[in-house]
């Protein structure tokens, strides 16, 4: 049952739909390491949304092969050695890269799931008058606009305490 929730079609928006979308988008460390085996093609960088880095790997591979075919084994070998060093560096940093990409994906998914409150929305309130109002139309409309302030609450409490003292 652990993975069964991914098969549900919940439709619409909401947190479940966002989690389903996120589960499809998240990057995995194992996949990134497997793609690192084909580092001359830069597939691991593509997987981690680093298009520029992927193309740099491809260009370096192409220039290494071109230099070797042109008879320059030393320059081609140095470029190939640079590629191997860059791949080793990427292997050491694959966890941090996966975490950074997944963090960015989470932010994109959760921040884009709703458009926010409707235009002019000021929170939920009732049309009933607040405690302590006189019941006139002006007080009721004023109470619906904002909650009772701390000073007004203190004033109501003092009034109630005085009323209790006057009653025998």
Foldseek 3Di string as FASTA:
>chain_A
DVCVLLVDDPDDFDDSVLVNVLVVLADDLVVLVVVLVVQLQLVSCVSLVNVVSNVVSVVLQVVLVVCVVVPNPPVSVVSVVVSVVVSVVCNVCSVVSSVVSSVVSSCVSVVPRDPDDDPPDDDDDDQDADPPDPPDPVRSVVCRVDPDDPVNVVVVVVVVVVVVVVPD
